[in-house]
Protein backbone atom coordinates (compact mmCIF):
# COMPACT_ATOMS: atom_id res chain seq x y z
CA MET A 1 -58.12 96.87 26.99
CA ASP A 2 -58.41 99.15 29.53
CA HIS A 3 -58.85 101.35 26.43
CA GLN A 4 -55.88 100.95 24.59
CA GLY A 5 -57.77 102.01 21.01
CA ILE A 6 -57.08 99.80 18.71
CA ILE A 7 -55.27 97.43 17.76
CA LEU A 8 -53.46 94.58 15.82
CA GLN A 9 -53.12 91.64 16.82
CA PRO A 10 -52.55 87.81 15.90
CA ASP A 11 -55.39 85.54 16.46
CA PHE A 12 -54.02 83.22 18.74
CA ILE A 13 -54.00 85.76 21.64
CA ILE A 14 -57.01 87.31 21.46
CA ALA A 15 -59.37 84.21 20.56
CA ASP A 16 -60.32 83.84 23.72
CA ASP A 17 -61.23 87.93 24.10
CA LEU A 18 -63.59 87.56 21.12
CA ARG A 19 -65.38 85.14 21.66
CA ARG A 20 -65.90 86.94 25.45
CA GLY A 21 -66.78 89.35 23.40
CA ASP A 22 -64.41 91.36 25.60
CA LEU A 23 -62.72 92.77 22.52
CA VAL A 24 -65.04 93.94 19.13
CA GLU A 25 -63.97 92.89 15.63
CA LEU A 26 -63.27 96.02 13.55
CA LEU A 27 -62.54 94.85 9.86
CA PRO A 28 -63.82 91.67 9.30
CA THR A 29 -62.60 91.33 5.97
CA TYR A 30 -59.02 92.38 6.34
CA SER A 31 -56.29 90.16 6.43
CA THR A 32 -52.62 90.52 6.59
CA MET A 33 -49.90 88.00 5.67
CA THR A 34 -49.99 84.70 6.87
CA LEU A 35 -46.75 83.93 8.73
CA GLY A 36 -45.06 79.65 8.18
CA ILE A 37 -44.80 77.47 11.46
CA HIS A 38 -41.27 75.73 10.44
CA ALA A 39 -39.45 72.78 12.19
CA VAL A 40 -35.73 72.97 11.94
CA TYR A 41 -33.12 70.01 12.27
CA PRO A 42 -29.58 69.14 10.66
CA SER A 43 -30.99 66.66 8.41
CA ARG A 44 -33.84 64.08 7.70
CA LYS A 45 -30.90 60.96 7.28
CA HIS A 46 -30.80 59.26 10.57
CA LEU A 47 -33.55 61.27 11.81
CA PRO A 48 -34.26 60.65 15.27
CA ILE A 49 -37.58 58.82 15.93
CA LYS A 50 -38.56 61.04 18.62
CA THR A 51 -38.52 64.91 16.18
CA ARG A 52 -40.53 62.86 13.73
CA ARG A 53 -42.90 62.63 15.92
CA LEU A 54 -42.56 66.06 17.35
CA VAL A 55 -43.04 67.34 13.74
CA ASP A 56 -45.97 65.20 13.02
CA PHE A 57 -47.95 66.07 16.50
CA LEU A 58 -46.85 70.09 14.88
CA VAL A 59 -48.48 69.35 11.49
CA ASP A 60 -51.88 67.68 13.42
CA ALA A 61 -51.77 70.09 15.75
CA PHE A 62 -51.98 73.23 13.58
CA ALA A 63 -53.92 71.73 10.84
CA VAL A 64 -56.60 73.14 12.20
CA PRO A 65 -55.62 75.99 14.21
CA GLY A 66 -57.83 76.50 17.77
CA TRP A 67 -57.58 79.61 18.01
CA ASP A 68 -58.95 79.96 14.52
CA VAL A 69 -62.26 82.51 15.16
CA ALA A 70 -63.32 82.89 11.89
CA ARG A 71 -66.88 83.05 11.39
């Protein structure tokens, strides 16, 4: 903000600023590459229930991101 010019930032960082109108999207049809989120653990064999529940939670939480500002 503070007159920094044109930026390319992920939605989850600037979603609130876009909603408030503090930032304006210049190229709404432009898309960058999609990056994944990965959970890394040693093995599925003998996977602790805490790890399984965390992975399940993350899958649900990121299925439809709360920061998605799609029109």
